Amino acid sequence: MGELPDDFADSLARILDPNDHEAAAEIIEAATMLDDVGLRRFMLLFAARVRDADGPVSAEELRTFLQQAARARR
């Protein structure tokens, strides 16, 4: 797996709700603490949301993805 692109943070900021950047950052950081399966599930849910829906991604949506990903291994 390669490095993240130089503009990754800017790209991420463009798809997140501007009012939720701080909360979204905390949720994404929490997702990195999941095991590999959980993190993969979180990223798949996040990517599907970005692909399939218009408008910015809210922190509440990310929180839901995190909860679903954490339960995936139970």
N, C-alpha and C. Protein backbone atom coordinates (compact mmCIF):
# COMPACT_ATOMS: atom_id res chain seq x y z
N MET A 1 0.84 -1.17 0.00
CA MET A 1 0.00 0.00 0.00
C MET A 1 0.89 1.24 0.00
N GLY A 2 0.55 2.19 -0.85
CA GLY A 2 1.35 3.39 -0.97
C GLY A 2 0.98 4.46 0.04
N GLU A 3 1.66 5.56 -0.08
CA GLU A 3 1.40 6.69 0.79
C GLU A 3 0.13 7.40 0.35
N LEU A 4 -0.43 8.17 1.26
CA LEU A 4 -1.59 8.99 0.91
C LEU A 4 -1.13 10.11 -0.02
N PRO A 5 -2.00 10.52 -0.93
CA PRO A 5 -1.63 11.63 -1.82
C PRO A 5 -1.41 12.91 -1.01
N ASP A 6 -0.61 13.81 -1.55
CA ASP A 6 -0.30 15.07 -0.86
C ASP A 6 -1.55 15.88 -0.55
N ASP A 7 -2.56 15.80 -1.40
CA ASP A 7 -3.77 16.60 -1.21
C ASP A 7 -4.89 15.84 -0.49
N PHE A 8 -4.54 14.75 0.19
CA PHE A 8 -5.55 13.92 0.85
C PHE A 8 -6.36 14.71 1.87
N ALA A 9 -5.71 15.48 2.71
CA ALA A 9 -6.42 16.25 3.74
C ALA A 9 -7.39 17.25 3.12
N ASP A 10 -6.96 17.91 2.05
CA ASP A 10 -7.83 18.87 1.37
C ASP A 10 -9.02 18.16 0.73
N SER A 11 -8.78 17.00 0.13
CA SER A 11 -9.87 16.23 -0.48
C SER A 11 -10.87 15.78 0.57
N LEU A 12 -10.37 15.33 1.69
CA LEU A 12 -11.24 14.89 2.78
C LEU A 12 -12.05 16.06 3.31
N ALA A 13 -11.42 17.20 3.49
CA ALA A 13 -12.12 18.39 3.99
C ALA A 13 -13.27 18.80 3.07
N ARG A 14 -13.10 18.60 1.77
CA ARG A 14 -14.15 18.99 0.81
C ARG A 14 -15.39 18.11 0.91
N ILE A 15 -15.25 16.88 1.37
CA ILE A 15 -16.42 15.99 1.42
C ILE A 15 -17.08 15.96 2.80
N LEU A 16 -16.43 16.55 3.80
CA LEU A 16 -17.00 16.59 5.14
C LEU A 16 -17.78 17.87 5.36
N ASP A 17 -18.83 17.77 6.16
CA ASP A 17 -19.61 18.95 6.53
C ASP A 17 -18.66 19.93 7.22
N PRO A 18 -18.60 21.17 6.73
CA PRO A 18 -17.66 22.15 7.31
C PRO A 18 -17.89 22.38 8.81
N ASN A 19 -19.11 22.19 9.28
CA ASN A 19 -19.40 22.39 10.71
C ASN A 19 -18.95 21.21 11.56
N ASP A 20 -18.56 20.13 10.93
CA ASP A 20 -18.24 18.89 11.64
C ASP A 20 -16.78 18.47 11.54
N HIS A 21 -15.90 19.32 11.04
CA HIS A 21 -14.52 18.90 10.81
C HIS A 21 -13.84 18.35 12.06
N GLU A 22 -13.99 19.03 13.18
CA GLU A 22 -13.32 18.58 14.41
C GLU A 22 -13.89 17.25 14.88
N ALA A 23 -15.20 17.14 14.93
CA ALA A 23 -15.83 15.88 15.35
C ALA A 23 -15.49 14.76 14.38
N ALA A 24 -15.51 15.06 13.09
CA ALA A 24 -15.18 14.04 12.08
C ALA A 24 -13.75 13.55 12.26
N ALA A 25 -12.84 14.45 12.55
CA ALA A 25 -11.44 14.06 12.76
C ALA A 25 -11.32 13.10 13.95
N GLU A 26 -12.06 13.37 15.02
CA GLU A 26 -12.03 12.50 16.19
C GLU A 26 -12.59 11.12 15.87
N ILE A 27 -13.65 11.08 15.09
CA ILE A 27 -14.27 9.80 14.72
C ILE A 27 -13.36 9.00 13.81
N ILE A 28 -12.76 9.67 12.84
CA ILE A 28 -11.84 8.98 11.93
C ILE A 28 -10.63 8.46 12.72
N GLU A 29 -10.15 9.25 13.66
CA GLU A 29 -9.03 8.78 14.50
C GLU A 29 -9.45 7.53 15.29
N ALA A 30 -10.66 7.54 15.82
CA ALA A 30 -11.15 6.37 16.56
C ALA A 30 -11.25 5.15 15.64
N ALA A 31 -11.62 5.38 14.40
CA ALA A 31 -11.73 4.27 13.44
C ALA A 31 -10.37 3.63 13.19
N THR A 32 -9.30 4.40 13.27
CA THR A 32 -7.97 3.84 13.04
C THR A 32 -7.56 2.89 14.15
N MET A 33 -8.28 2.91 15.26
CA MET A 33 -7.97 2.03 16.37
C MET A 33 -8.72 0.70 16.29
N LEU A 34 -9.61 0.57 15.32
CA LEU A 34 -10.30 -0.70 15.09
C LEU A 34 -9.31 -1.73 14.56
N ASP A 35 -9.66 -2.99 14.66
CA ASP A 35 -8.82 -4.00 14.02
C ASP A 35 -8.95 -3.85 12.50
N ASP A 36 -8.17 -4.61 11.76
CA ASP A 36 -8.14 -4.47 10.31
C ASP A 36 -9.51 -4.66 9.67
N VAL A 37 -10.25 -5.64 10.16
CA VAL A 37 -11.58 -5.91 9.61
C VAL A 37 -12.52 -4.75 9.89
N GLY A 38 -12.49 -4.23 11.10
CA GLY A 38 -13.34 -3.10 11.47
C GLY A 38 -13.00 -1.85 10.68
N LEU A 39 -11.71 -1.57 10.55
CA LEU A 39 -11.29 -0.39 9.80
C LEU A 39 -11.69 -0.51 8.33
N ARG A 40 -11.53 -1.69 7.78
CA ARG A 40 -11.94 -1.92 6.39
C ARG A 40 -13.43 -1.68 6.23
N ARG A 41 -14.22 -2.17 7.17
CA ARG A 41 -15.67 -1.98 7.12
C ARG A 41 -16.01 -0.50 7.20
N PHE A 42 -15.37 0.22 8.12
CA PHE A 42 -15.60 1.66 8.25
C PHE A 42 -15.29 2.37 6.93
N MET A 43 -14.15 2.06 6.34
CA MET A 43 -13.75 2.71 5.10
C MET A 43 -14.70 2.37 3.95
N LEU A 44 -15.18 1.14 3.90
CA LEU A 44 -16.14 0.76 2.86
C LEU A 44 -17.45 1.51 3.01
N LEU A 45 -17.94 1.64 4.25
CA LEU A 45 -19.17 2.40 4.48
C LEU A 45 -18.99 3.87 4.12
N PHE A 46 -17.87 4.43 4.51
CA PHE A 46 -17.55 5.83 4.22
C PHE A 46 -17.46 6.05 2.71
N ALA A 47 -16.75 5.18 2.03
CA ALA A 47 -16.59 5.31 0.57
C ALA A 47 -17.92 5.17 -0.15
N ALA A 48 -18.75 4.24 0.29
CA ALA A 48 -20.06 4.06 -0.34
C ALA A 48 -20.91 5.31 -0.16
N ARG A 49 -20.84 5.91 1.01
CA ARG A 49 -21.61 7.14 1.27
C ARG A 49 -21.14 8.26 0.35
N VAL A 50 -19.85 8.41 0.19
CA VAL A 50 -19.31 9.46 -0.67
C VAL A 50 -19.73 9.22 -2.13
N ARG A 51 -19.68 7.98 -2.55
CA ARG A 51 -20.05 7.62 -3.93
C ARG A 51 -21.53 7.78 -4.21
N ASP A 52 -22.37 7.41 -3.26
CA ASP A 52 -23.80 7.26 -3.53
C ASP A 52 -24.68 8.43 -3.13
N ALA A 53 -24.18 9.39 -2.42
CA ALA A 53 -25.06 10.47 -1.95
C ALA A 53 -24.43 11.83 -2.22
N ASP A 54 -25.30 12.77 -2.46
CA ASP A 54 -24.85 14.15 -2.63
C ASP A 54 -24.72 14.81 -1.27
N GLY A 55 -23.99 15.88 -1.25
CA GLY A 55 -23.86 16.65 -0.03
C GLY A 55 -22.73 16.16 0.85
N PRO A 56 -22.35 17.01 1.79
CA PRO A 56 -21.23 16.68 2.67
C PRO A 56 -21.58 15.57 3.65
N VAL A 57 -20.57 14.87 4.09
CA VAL A 57 -20.71 13.79 5.06
C VAL A 57 -20.68 14.41 6.46
N SER A 58 -21.66 14.07 7.27
CA SER A 58 -21.74 14.62 8.63
C SER A 58 -20.99 13.74 9.62
N ALA A 59 -20.66 14.34 10.74
CA ALA A 59 -20.02 13.58 11.82
C ALA A 59 -20.96 12.49 12.32
N GLU A 60 -22.25 12.76 12.35
CA GLU A 60 -23.21 11.76 12.81
C GLU A 60 -23.19 10.53 11.91
N GLU A 61 -23.08 10.74 10.59
CA GLU A 61 -22.97 9.60 9.67
C GLU A 61 -21.70 8.80 9.96
N LEU A 62 -20.59 9.50 10.16
CA LEU A 62 -19.33 8.82 10.45
C LEU A 62 -19.43 8.04 11.76
N ARG A 63 -20.10 8.62 12.75
CA ARG A 63 -20.27 7.94 14.03
C ARG A 63 -21.07 6.64 13.84
N THR A 64 -22.09 6.70 13.00
CA THR A 64 -22.88 5.50 12.70
C THR A 64 -22.02 4.45 12.01
N PHE A 65 -21.19 4.87 11.06
CA PHE A 65 -20.29 3.93 10.37
C PHE A 65 -19.33 3.29 11.37
N LEU A 66 -18.81 4.10 12.29
CA LEU A 66 -17.88 3.58 13.30
C LEU A 66 -18.57 2.53 14.17
N GLN A 67 -19.78 2.82 14.59
CA GLN A 67 -20.52 1.87 15.42
C GLN A 67 -20.79 0.57 14.66
N GLN A 68 -21.19 0.69 13.40
CA GLN A 68 -21.45 -0.49 12.59
C GLN A 68 -20.16 -1.30 12.39
N ALA A 69 -19.07 -0.62 12.15
CA ALA A 69 -17.79 -1.30 11.92
C ALA A 69 -17.32 -2.00 13.19
N ALA A 70 -17.53 -1.37 14.33
CA ALA A 70 -17.10 -1.97 15.59
C ALA A 70 -17.92 -3.22 15.91
N ARG A 71 -19.18 -3.23 15.52
CA ARG A 71 -20.04 -4.39 15.77
C ARG A 71 -19.81 -5.50 14.78
N ALA A 72 -19.17 -5.21 13.67
CA ALA A 72 -19.01 -6.20 12.59
C ALA A 72 -18.27 -7.45 13.05
N ARG A 73 -17.39 -7.35 14.01
CA ARG A 73 -16.59 -8.50 14.45
C ARG A 73 -17.18 -9.21 15.66
N ARG A 74 -18.26 -8.69 16.20
CA ARG A 74 -18.84 -9.32 17.40
C ARG A 74 -19.70 -10.47 17.06
